[in-house]
N, C-alpha and C. Protein backbone atom coordinates (compact mmCIF):
# COMPACT_ATOMS: atom_id res chain seq x y z
N UNK A 1 0.81 -1.21 0.01
CA UNK A 1 0.01 0.00 0.00
C UNK A 1 0.87 1.27 0.01
N UNK A 2 1.91 1.20 0.76
CA UNK A 2 2.83 2.37 0.81
C UNK A 2 3.46 2.64 -0.54
N UNK A 3 3.80 1.59 -1.23
CA UNK A 3 4.40 1.72 -2.55
C UNK A 3 3.42 2.37 -3.54
N UNK A 4 2.13 2.01 -3.45
CA UNK A 4 1.13 2.60 -4.33
C UNK A 4 0.94 4.10 -4.01
N UNK A 5 0.97 4.46 -2.73
CA UNK A 5 0.84 5.86 -2.34
C UNK A 5 2.01 6.71 -2.89
N UNK A 6 3.20 6.15 -2.85
CA UNK A 6 4.36 6.84 -3.40
C UNK A 6 4.22 6.99 -4.89
N UNK A 7 3.72 5.96 -5.55
CA UNK A 7 3.50 6.01 -7.02
C UNK A 7 2.44 7.08 -7.36
N UNK A 8 1.37 7.16 -6.60
CA UNK A 8 0.33 8.18 -6.82
C UNK A 8 0.88 9.58 -6.61
N UNK A 9 1.68 9.76 -5.56
CA UNK A 9 2.29 11.07 -5.26
C UNK A 9 3.22 11.48 -6.41
N UNK A 10 3.96 10.54 -6.93
CA UNK A 10 4.87 10.84 -8.06
C UNK A 10 4.07 11.23 -9.29
N UNK A 11 2.99 10.51 -9.56
CA UNK A 11 2.14 10.82 -10.73
C UNK A 11 1.45 12.18 -10.57
N UNK A 12 1.00 12.52 -9.35
CA UNK A 12 0.38 13.83 -9.09
C UNK A 12 1.39 14.95 -9.31
N UNK A 13 2.65 14.73 -8.91
CA UNK A 13 3.68 15.72 -9.12
C UNK A 13 3.91 15.94 -10.61
N UNK A 14 3.98 14.85 -11.40
CA UNK A 14 4.17 14.95 -12.83
C UNK A 14 2.98 15.67 -13.48
N UNK A 15 1.75 15.39 -13.01
CA UNK A 15 0.56 16.04 -13.53
C UNK A 15 0.58 17.54 -13.26
N UNK A 16 0.98 17.92 -12.07
CA UNK A 16 1.09 19.32 -11.68
C UNK A 16 2.09 20.05 -12.56
N UNK A 17 3.26 19.42 -12.80
CA UNK A 17 4.29 20.03 -13.66
C UNK A 17 3.79 20.16 -15.10
N UNK A 18 3.07 19.16 -15.57
CA UNK A 18 2.54 19.20 -16.94
C UNK A 18 1.49 20.29 -17.08
N UNK A 19 0.64 20.50 -16.08
CA UNK A 19 -0.34 21.56 -16.09
C UNK A 19 0.33 22.95 -16.11
N UNK A 20 1.36 23.11 -15.30
CA UNK A 20 2.11 24.38 -15.29
C UNK A 20 2.73 24.66 -16.65
N UNK A 21 3.27 23.66 -17.26
CA UNK A 21 3.91 23.81 -18.56
C UNK A 21 2.86 24.22 -19.62
N UNK A 22 1.68 23.60 -19.55
CA UNK A 22 0.60 23.89 -20.49
C UNK A 22 0.13 25.35 -20.33
N UNK A 23 -0.02 25.81 -19.08
CA UNK A 23 -0.40 27.19 -18.84
C UNK A 23 0.63 28.18 -19.39
N UNK A 24 1.88 27.87 -19.22
CA UNK A 24 2.95 28.74 -19.76
C UNK A 24 2.85 28.79 -21.28
N UNK A 25 2.61 27.68 -21.93
CA UNK A 25 2.45 27.65 -23.41
C UNK A 25 1.26 28.49 -23.85
N UNK A 26 0.15 28.40 -23.13
CA UNK A 26 -1.05 29.16 -23.48
C UNK A 26 -0.79 30.67 -23.34
N UNK A 27 -0.10 31.06 -22.23
CA UNK A 27 0.24 32.47 -22.04
C UNK A 27 1.15 32.97 -23.16
N UNK A 28 2.11 32.16 -23.57
CA UNK A 28 3.01 32.55 -24.65
C UNK A 28 2.25 32.73 -25.95
N UNK A 29 1.29 31.88 -26.21
CA UNK A 29 0.50 32.00 -27.47
C UNK A 29 -0.34 33.28 -27.45
N UNK A 30 -0.89 33.67 -26.29
CA UNK A 30 -1.66 34.89 -26.18
C UNK A 30 -0.78 36.09 -26.49
N UNK A 31 0.45 36.09 -25.97
CA UNK A 31 1.35 37.20 -26.22
C UNK A 31 1.74 37.29 -27.67
N UNK A 32 2.02 36.16 -28.29
CA UNK A 32 2.42 36.15 -29.71
C UNK A 32 1.30 36.69 -30.57
N UNK A 33 0.07 36.35 -30.28
CA UNK A 33 -1.06 36.84 -31.07
C UNK A 33 -1.27 38.33 -30.86
N UNK A 34 -1.06 38.87 -29.70
CA UNK A 34 -1.28 40.29 -29.43
C UNK A 34 -0.18 41.14 -29.96
N UNK A 35 1.07 40.72 -29.80
CA UNK A 35 2.20 41.54 -30.13
C UNK A 35 2.61 41.40 -31.58
N UNK A 36 2.13 40.43 -32.24
CA UNK A 36 2.57 40.11 -33.61
C UNK A 36 2.29 41.19 -34.63
N UNK A 37 2.67 40.91 -35.86
CA UNK A 37 2.46 41.87 -36.95
C UNK A 37 1.00 41.85 -37.39
N UNK A 38 0.68 42.56 -38.47
CA UNK A 38 -0.69 42.67 -38.91
C UNK A 38 -1.31 41.31 -39.29
N UNK A 39 -0.52 40.36 -39.73
CA UNK A 39 -1.05 39.05 -40.07
C UNK A 39 -1.61 38.38 -38.80
N UNK A 40 -0.88 38.52 -37.72
CA UNK A 40 -1.38 37.95 -36.44
C UNK A 40 -2.51 38.77 -35.90
N UNK A 41 -2.58 40.05 -36.27
CA UNK A 41 -3.66 40.91 -35.77
C UNK A 41 -5.00 40.43 -36.32
N UNK A 42 -4.99 39.84 -37.50
CA UNK A 42 -6.23 39.29 -38.05
C UNK A 42 -6.76 38.20 -37.12
N UNK A 43 -5.89 37.38 -36.61
CA UNK A 43 -6.31 36.30 -35.72
C UNK A 43 -6.70 36.84 -34.34
N UNK A 44 -6.24 38.07 -34.00
CA UNK A 44 -6.51 38.60 -32.68
C UNK A 44 -7.99 38.94 -32.48
N UNK A 45 -8.74 39.18 -33.55
CA UNK A 45 -10.15 39.44 -33.40
C UNK A 45 -10.89 38.10 -33.36
N UNK A 46 -11.50 37.83 -32.22
CA UNK A 46 -12.19 36.57 -32.10
C UNK A 46 -13.46 36.56 -32.93
N UNK A 47 -13.73 35.47 -33.59
CA UNK A 47 -14.95 35.39 -34.44
C UNK A 47 -16.21 35.61 -33.61
N UNK A 48 -17.13 36.41 -34.17
CA UNK A 48 -18.40 36.63 -33.53
C UNK A 48 -18.43 37.84 -32.61
N UNK A 49 -17.28 38.46 -32.33
CA UNK A 49 -17.27 39.65 -31.50
C UNK A 49 -17.74 40.87 -32.28
N UNK A 50 -18.06 41.94 -31.57
CA UNK A 50 -18.51 43.18 -32.25
C UNK A 50 -17.45 43.70 -33.18
N UNK A 51 -16.16 43.60 -32.77
CA UNK A 51 -15.08 44.11 -33.63
C UNK A 51 -14.97 43.26 -34.90
N UNK A 52 -15.11 41.95 -34.79
CA UNK A 52 -15.07 41.10 -35.95
C UNK A 52 -16.23 41.40 -36.90
N UNK A 53 -17.43 41.62 -36.34
CA UNK A 53 -18.59 41.98 -37.14
C UNK A 53 -18.36 43.34 -37.83
N UNK A 54 -17.75 44.28 -37.11
CA UNK A 54 -17.48 45.60 -37.69
C UNK A 54 -16.50 45.46 -38.84
N UNK A 55 -15.46 44.66 -38.67
CA UNK A 55 -14.48 44.46 -39.73
C UNK A 55 -15.14 43.84 -40.97
N UNK A 56 -15.98 42.82 -40.76
CA UNK A 56 -16.65 42.17 -41.89
C UNK A 56 -17.59 43.14 -42.59
N UNK A 57 -18.31 43.99 -41.81
CA UNK A 57 -19.19 44.95 -42.41
C UNK A 57 -18.43 45.98 -43.25
N UNK A 58 -17.30 46.44 -42.71
CA UNK A 58 -16.48 47.40 -43.47
C UNK A 58 -15.90 46.76 -44.73
N UNK A 59 -15.52 45.50 -44.65
CA UNK A 59 -15.01 44.78 -45.86
C UNK A 59 -16.10 44.73 -46.92
N UNK A 60 -17.33 44.42 -46.52
CA UNK A 60 -18.43 44.32 -47.48
C UNK A 60 -18.74 45.67 -48.10
N UNK A 61 -18.70 46.73 -47.26
CA UNK A 61 -19.04 48.07 -47.80
C UNK A 61 -17.88 48.60 -48.66
N UNK A 62 -16.66 48.24 -48.35
CA UNK A 62 -15.52 48.65 -49.16
C UNK A 62 -15.03 50.06 -48.89
N UNK A 63 -15.56 50.74 -47.89
CA UNK A 63 -15.10 52.09 -47.59
C UNK A 63 -15.29 52.38 -46.10
N UNK A 64 -14.68 53.44 -45.64
CA UNK A 64 -14.80 53.83 -44.24
C UNK A 64 -16.21 54.35 -44.00
N UNK A 65 -16.73 54.09 -42.80
CA UNK A 65 -18.08 54.51 -42.46
C UNK A 65 -18.14 55.07 -41.08
N UNK A 66 -19.18 55.89 -40.83
CA UNK A 66 -19.43 56.45 -39.51
C UNK A 66 -19.81 55.34 -38.54
N UNK A 67 -19.47 55.50 -37.28
CA UNK A 67 -19.69 54.46 -36.28
C UNK A 67 -21.17 54.10 -36.18
N UNK A 68 -22.06 55.05 -36.39
CA UNK A 68 -23.49 54.77 -36.35
C UNK A 68 -23.90 53.79 -37.43
N UNK A 69 -23.38 53.99 -38.65
CA UNK A 69 -23.69 53.10 -39.75
C UNK A 69 -23.09 51.71 -39.50
N UNK A 70 -21.93 51.66 -38.87
CA UNK A 70 -21.29 50.37 -38.55
C UNK A 70 -22.16 49.60 -37.55
N UNK A 71 -22.67 50.29 -36.54
CA UNK A 71 -23.50 49.63 -35.55
C UNK A 71 -24.78 49.09 -36.19
N UNK A 72 -25.40 49.92 -37.02
CA UNK A 72 -26.60 49.44 -37.75
C UNK A 72 -26.28 48.27 -38.65
N UNK A 73 -25.12 48.31 -39.31
CA UNK A 73 -24.73 47.25 -40.23
C UNK A 73 -24.40 45.96 -39.56
N UNK A 74 -24.01 46.02 -38.29
CA UNK A 74 -23.72 44.79 -37.56
C UNK A 74 -24.94 44.20 -36.87
N UNK A 75 -26.08 44.90 -37.00
CA UNK A 75 -27.33 44.36 -36.43
C UNK A 75 -27.55 44.69 -34.97
N UNK A 76 -26.80 45.61 -34.42
CA UNK A 76 -26.98 46.01 -33.02
C UNK A 76 -27.88 47.25 -32.97
N UNK A 77 -28.43 47.48 -31.79
CA UNK A 77 -29.30 48.64 -31.58
C UNK A 77 -28.40 49.90 -31.52
N UNK A 78 -28.84 50.98 -32.18
CA UNK A 78 -28.08 52.21 -32.17
C UNK A 78 -28.43 52.96 -30.88
N UNK A 79 -27.53 52.88 -29.90
CA UNK A 79 -27.69 53.58 -28.64
C UNK A 79 -26.36 54.25 -28.31
N UNK A 80 -26.41 55.17 -27.38
CA UNK A 80 -25.19 55.89 -27.00
C UNK A 80 -24.18 54.92 -26.38
N UNK A 81 -24.63 53.98 -25.58
CA UNK A 81 -23.74 53.02 -24.95
C UNK A 81 -23.03 52.17 -26.01
N UNK A 82 -23.79 51.69 -27.00
CA UNK A 82 -23.17 50.87 -28.06
C UNK A 82 -22.19 51.71 -28.90
N UNK A 83 -22.58 52.97 -29.18
CA UNK A 83 -21.71 53.83 -29.97
C UNK A 83 -20.39 54.12 -29.24
N UNK A 84 -20.49 54.44 -27.96
CA UNK A 84 -19.29 54.76 -27.18
C UNK A 84 -18.40 53.52 -27.05
N UNK A 85 -19.02 52.37 -26.81
CA UNK A 85 -18.28 51.14 -26.65
C UNK A 85 -17.52 50.77 -27.94
N UNK A 86 -18.22 50.77 -29.06
CA UNK A 86 -17.59 50.40 -30.33
C UNK A 86 -16.54 51.42 -30.73
N UNK A 87 -16.81 52.71 -30.54
CA UNK A 87 -15.82 53.73 -30.86
C UNK A 87 -14.54 53.57 -30.05
N UNK A 88 -14.71 53.27 -28.76
CA UNK A 88 -13.53 53.09 -27.91
C UNK A 88 -12.73 51.87 -28.33
N UNK A 89 -13.42 50.77 -28.64
CA UNK A 89 -12.71 49.56 -29.03
C UNK A 89 -11.99 49.74 -30.38
N UNK A 90 -12.68 50.35 -31.33
CA UNK A 90 -12.05 50.61 -32.63
C UNK A 90 -10.88 51.59 -32.49
N UNK A 91 -11.08 52.62 -31.65
CA UNK A 91 -10.02 53.61 -31.44
C UNK A 91 -8.76 52.99 -30.84
N UNK A 92 -8.93 51.97 -30.01
CA UNK A 92 -7.79 51.28 -29.44
C UNK A 92 -6.93 50.65 -30.52
N UNK A 93 -7.59 50.01 -31.49
CA UNK A 93 -6.84 49.43 -32.61
C UNK A 93 -6.26 50.47 -33.50
N UNK A 94 -6.95 51.59 -33.66
CA UNK A 94 -6.43 52.71 -34.49
C UNK A 94 -5.14 53.24 -33.86
N UNK A 95 -5.13 53.44 -32.56
CA UNK A 95 -3.93 53.96 -31.89
C UNK A 95 -2.74 53.03 -32.03
N UNK A 96 -2.99 51.74 -32.06
CA UNK A 96 -1.93 50.75 -32.22
C UNK A 96 -1.55 50.56 -33.69
N UNK A 97 -2.35 51.12 -34.60
CA UNK A 97 -2.06 50.97 -36.04
C UNK A 97 -2.43 49.61 -36.57
N UNK A 98 -3.36 48.93 -35.91
CA UNK A 98 -3.74 47.57 -36.32
C UNK A 98 -5.17 47.57 -36.85
N UNK A 99 -5.39 46.88 -37.94
CA UNK A 99 -6.70 46.54 -38.51
C UNK A 99 -7.52 47.75 -38.94
N UNK A 100 -7.80 48.68 -37.99
CA UNK A 100 -8.72 49.80 -38.30
C UNK A 100 -7.98 51.11 -38.44
N UNK A 101 -8.60 52.04 -39.20
CA UNK A 101 -8.09 53.39 -39.35
C UNK A 101 -9.22 54.37 -38.99
N UNK A 102 -8.86 55.63 -38.73
CA UNK A 102 -9.85 56.67 -38.46
C UNK A 102 -9.57 57.84 -39.40
N UNK A 103 -10.14 57.83 -40.61
CA UNK A 103 -9.89 58.92 -41.56
C UNK A 103 -10.59 60.22 -41.21
N UNK A 104 -11.63 60.15 -40.37
CA UNK A 104 -12.37 61.36 -39.95
C UNK A 104 -12.93 61.06 -38.56
N UNK A 105 -13.38 62.11 -37.86
CA UNK A 105 -13.95 61.86 -36.53
C UNK A 105 -15.14 60.90 -36.58
N UNK A 106 -15.11 59.91 -35.70
CA UNK A 106 -16.15 58.90 -35.57
C UNK A 106 -16.38 58.10 -36.86
N UNK A 107 -15.40 58.11 -37.74
CA UNK A 107 -15.47 57.38 -39.01
C UNK A 107 -14.30 56.40 -39.03
N UNK A 108 -14.61 55.14 -39.26
CA UNK A 108 -13.60 54.10 -39.19
C UNK A 108 -13.53 53.33 -40.51
N UNK A 109 -12.32 52.96 -40.91
CA UNK A 109 -12.08 52.15 -42.06
C UNK A 109 -11.11 51.03 -41.71
N UNK A 110 -10.64 50.36 -42.71
CA UNK A 110 -9.70 49.28 -42.53
C UNK A 110 -8.34 49.65 -43.10
N UNK A 111 -7.28 49.13 -42.48
CA UNK A 111 -5.93 49.38 -42.96
C UNK A 111 -5.76 48.86 -44.37
N UNK A 112 -6.46 47.79 -44.67
CA UNK A 112 -6.31 47.12 -45.99
C UNK A 112 -6.93 47.96 -47.12
N UNK A 113 -7.74 48.96 -46.80
CA UNK A 113 -8.31 49.79 -47.85
C UNK A 113 -7.21 50.59 -48.51
N UNK A 114 -7.44 50.99 -49.72
CA UNK A 114 -6.48 51.83 -50.43
C UNK A 114 -6.38 53.16 -49.77
N UNK A 115 -5.40 53.98 -50.19
CA UNK A 115 -5.17 55.30 -49.59
C UNK A 115 -6.42 56.14 -49.69
N UNK A 116 -7.07 56.20 -50.84
CA UNK A 116 -8.29 56.98 -50.99
C UNK A 116 -9.45 56.03 -50.86
N UNK A 117 -10.04 55.98 -49.66
CA UNK A 117 -11.11 55.04 -49.41
C UNK A 117 -12.48 55.69 -49.53
N UNK A 118 -12.53 56.81 -50.26
CA UNK A 118 -13.82 57.46 -50.45
C UNK A 118 -14.13 58.51 -49.42
N UNK A 119 -13.27 58.69 -48.44
CA UNK A 119 -13.53 59.70 -47.41
C UNK A 119 -12.78 61.00 -47.68
N UNK A 120 -11.77 60.97 -48.50
CA UNK A 120 -10.99 62.18 -48.76
C UNK A 120 -11.67 63.02 -49.83
N UNK A 121 -11.39 64.32 -49.82
CA UNK A 121 -11.94 65.23 -50.83
C UNK A 121 -11.06 65.14 -52.06
N UNK A 122 -11.55 64.47 -53.08
CA UNK A 122 -10.75 64.21 -54.28
C UNK A 122 -10.51 65.52 -55.09
N UNK A 123 -11.46 66.46 -55.03
CA UNK A 123 -11.35 67.68 -55.78
C UNK A 123 -10.43 68.72 -55.11
N UNK A 124 -10.00 68.49 -53.92
CA UNK A 124 -9.16 69.44 -53.21
C UNK A 124 -7.80 69.53 -53.89
N UNK A 125 -7.26 70.76 -54.08
CA UNK A 125 -5.96 70.90 -54.71
C UNK A 125 -4.87 70.37 -53.78
N UNK A 126 -3.83 69.82 -54.40
CA UNK A 126 -2.72 69.23 -53.63
C UNK A 126 -1.89 70.32 -52.96
N UNK A 127 -1.65 71.43 -53.68
CA UNK A 127 -0.81 72.52 -53.17
C UNK A 127 -1.62 73.80 -53.15
N UNK A 128 -1.25 74.76 -52.26
CA UNK A 128 -1.97 76.05 -52.25
C UNK A 128 -1.62 76.83 -53.53
N UNK A 129 -2.48 77.72 -53.96
CA UNK A 129 -2.24 78.51 -55.17
C UNK A 129 -1.02 79.43 -55.00
N UNK A 130 -0.44 79.87 -56.11
CA UNK A 130 0.69 80.79 -56.07
C UNK A 130 0.29 82.07 -55.34
N UNK A 131 1.18 82.58 -54.52
CA UNK A 131 0.92 83.81 -53.79
C UNK A 131 0.08 83.61 -52.56
N UNK A 132 -0.25 82.42 -52.22
CA UNK A 132 -1.07 82.13 -51.04
C UNK A 132 -0.32 82.58 -49.79
N UNK A 133 -0.97 83.40 -48.97
CA UNK A 133 -0.39 83.85 -47.72
C UNK A 133 0.45 85.10 -47.85
N UNK A 134 0.63 85.63 -49.07
CA UNK A 134 1.42 86.85 -49.23
C UNK A 134 0.51 88.05 -49.16
N UNK A 135 1.07 89.20 -48.72
CA UNK A 135 0.30 90.42 -48.62
C UNK A 135 0.04 90.96 -50.01
N UNK A 136 -1.21 91.37 -50.28
CA UNK A 136 -1.54 91.87 -51.62
C UNK A 136 -0.79 93.15 -51.95
N UNK A 137 -0.67 94.05 -50.99
CA UNK A 137 0.09 95.27 -51.24
C UNK A 137 1.50 95.02 -50.71
N UNK A 138 2.47 95.21 -51.54
CA UNK A 138 3.86 94.85 -51.25
C UNK A 138 4.54 95.76 -50.25
N UNK A 139 3.75 96.60 -49.52
CA UNK A 139 4.37 97.49 -48.54
C UNK A 139 4.68 98.85 -49.16
N UNK A 140 4.39 99.07 -50.47
CA UNK A 140 4.65 100.35 -51.11
C UNK A 140 3.46 101.26 -50.82
N UNK A 141 3.76 102.53 -50.54
CA UNK A 141 2.67 103.48 -50.40
C UNK A 141 2.34 104.09 -51.76
N UNK A 142 1.51 105.12 -51.81
CA UNK A 142 1.08 105.65 -53.09
C UNK A 142 2.20 106.33 -53.86
N UNK A 143 3.31 106.64 -53.24
CA UNK A 143 4.44 107.29 -53.91
C UNK A 143 5.52 106.27 -54.32
N UNK A 144 5.30 104.98 -54.11
CA UNK A 144 6.27 103.98 -54.50
C UNK A 144 7.30 103.72 -53.45
N UNK A 145 7.19 104.36 -52.29
CA UNK A 145 8.17 104.15 -51.24
C UNK A 145 7.63 103.13 -50.24
N UNK A 146 8.53 102.44 -49.64
CA UNK A 146 8.13 101.45 -48.65
C UNK A 146 7.69 102.17 -47.41
N UNK A 147 6.50 101.88 -46.99
CA UNK A 147 5.97 102.50 -45.79
C UNK A 147 6.42 101.70 -44.59
N UNK A 148 7.03 102.41 -43.68
CA UNK A 148 7.45 101.71 -42.45
C UNK A 148 6.55 102.20 -41.34
N UNK A 149 5.77 101.29 -40.84
CA UNK A 149 4.85 101.65 -39.77
C UNK A 149 5.44 101.13 -38.47
N UNK A 150 5.49 102.00 -37.48
CA UNK A 150 5.98 101.50 -36.19
C UNK A 150 4.96 100.55 -35.59
N UNK A 151 5.47 99.59 -34.89
CA UNK A 151 4.58 98.63 -34.24
C UNK A 151 3.77 99.33 -33.17
N UNK A 152 2.50 99.12 -33.17
CA UNK A 152 1.65 99.75 -32.17
C UNK A 152 1.74 98.94 -30.90
N UNK A 153 2.08 99.61 -29.82
CA UNK A 153 2.18 98.96 -28.53
C UNK A 153 1.03 99.45 -27.67
N UNK A 154 0.25 98.56 -27.19
CA UNK A 154 -0.87 98.93 -26.34
C UNK A 154 -0.34 99.16 -24.93
N UNK A 155 -0.64 100.31 -24.38
CA UNK A 155 -0.13 100.60 -23.02
C UNK A 155 -0.79 99.66 -22.02
N UNK A 156 0.00 99.26 -21.07
CA UNK A 156 -0.46 98.38 -20.00
C UNK A 156 -0.76 99.24 -18.79
N UNK A 157 -1.95 99.16 -18.25
CA UNK A 157 -2.25 99.98 -17.07
C UNK A 157 -1.43 99.55 -15.87
N UNK A 158 -0.97 100.54 -15.12
CA UNK A 158 -0.15 100.27 -13.94
C UNK A 158 -0.97 100.57 -12.71
N UNK A 159 -0.96 99.64 -11.78
CA UNK A 159 -1.69 99.89 -10.55
C UNK A 159 -0.88 100.79 -9.62
N UNK A 160 -1.53 101.73 -9.03
CA UNK A 160 -0.79 102.62 -8.13
C UNK A 160 -0.33 101.86 -6.88
N UNK A 161 0.84 102.23 -6.40
CA UNK A 161 1.43 101.60 -5.23
C UNK A 161 1.15 102.51 -4.03
N UNK A 162 0.64 101.94 -2.96
CA UNK A 162 0.38 102.79 -1.79
C UNK A 162 1.69 103.38 -1.29
N UNK A 163 1.62 104.62 -0.85
CA UNK A 163 2.81 105.33 -0.43
C UNK A 163 3.37 104.82 0.89
N UNK A 164 2.55 104.46 1.78
CA UNK A 164 3.04 104.10 3.11
C UNK A 164 2.96 102.56 3.27
N UNK A 165 4.02 101.89 2.94
CA UNK A 165 4.14 100.45 3.16
C UNK A 165 5.00 100.23 4.38
N UNK A 166 4.65 99.26 5.22
CA UNK A 166 5.53 99.02 6.36
C UNK A 166 6.88 98.50 5.89
N UNK A 167 7.91 98.88 6.57
CA UNK A 167 9.27 98.50 6.18
C UNK A 167 9.49 97.01 6.35
N UNK A 168 8.89 96.42 7.36
CA UNK A 168 9.08 95.02 7.65
C UNK A 168 7.70 94.35 7.76
N UNK A 169 7.52 93.19 7.11
CA UNK A 169 6.21 92.54 7.23
C UNK A 169 5.96 92.07 8.65
N UNK A 170 4.72 92.15 9.08
CA UNK A 170 4.37 91.74 10.42
C UNK A 170 4.03 90.25 10.37
N UNK A 171 4.72 89.50 11.24
CA UNK A 171 4.52 88.04 11.31
C UNK A 171 4.04 87.71 12.71
N UNK A 172 2.94 86.93 12.75
CA UNK A 172 2.41 86.56 14.06
C UNK A 172 3.35 85.52 14.71
N UNK A 173 3.53 85.63 15.99
CA UNK A 173 4.40 84.65 16.67
C UNK A 173 3.76 83.26 16.62
N UNK A 174 4.60 82.26 16.43
CA UNK A 174 4.15 80.88 16.32
C UNK A 174 4.54 80.13 17.58
N UNK A 175 3.54 79.49 18.15
CA UNK A 175 3.82 78.70 19.33
C UNK A 175 4.44 77.38 18.92
N UNK A 176 5.35 76.87 19.70
CA UNK A 176 6.02 75.65 19.36
C UNK A 176 5.11 74.42 19.34
N UNK A 177 4.11 74.39 20.23
CA UNK A 177 3.24 73.26 20.31
C UNK A 177 2.06 73.37 19.35
N UNK A 178 1.87 74.56 18.80
CA UNK A 178 0.70 74.78 17.94
C UNK A 178 0.99 74.36 16.50
N UNK A 179 0.17 73.48 15.95
CA UNK A 179 0.28 73.06 14.57
C UNK A 179 -0.91 73.61 13.82
N UNK A 180 -0.76 74.45 12.81
CA UNK A 180 -1.87 75.11 12.18
C UNK A 180 -2.75 74.20 11.30
N UNK A 181 -2.49 72.91 11.25
CA UNK A 181 -3.27 72.04 10.37
C UNK A 181 -4.46 71.52 11.08
């Protein structure tokens, strides 16, 4: 009987060590999935979660959309709590540069979308027009001379100082045992 008890104790010790090893492997896998590159980031979204549904909805639409449209597209009720929750979760991935982008306030897209995902103003000029930001009158006055205007300085009001200030500030005596707190 004693021999069997020793055998059971030995097997329990091996089982405990094997469980510890398995937990360490599971923790390592979680870290690899979270810290990995964008390929691993795809696996980081668990199937069926709100973020996975949002990603699938954005893929189907093919462009960035407002968070309200995303919520409606995923089949959830449009409420402030749902909007705040989804915006916060998507924003977390945006800050990390994974999966989602934020091309405009409360508008989310996917990193895999092309540079122009339909949210940018295509008709906007790339560069400002010539002379942008320059003064229309070149500083010449009506006689062709450069007008030099002195900088206008706004006077700062000065508070009058009382004439009779005591030479030494009056300080109340402090008792050694007295703590003012």
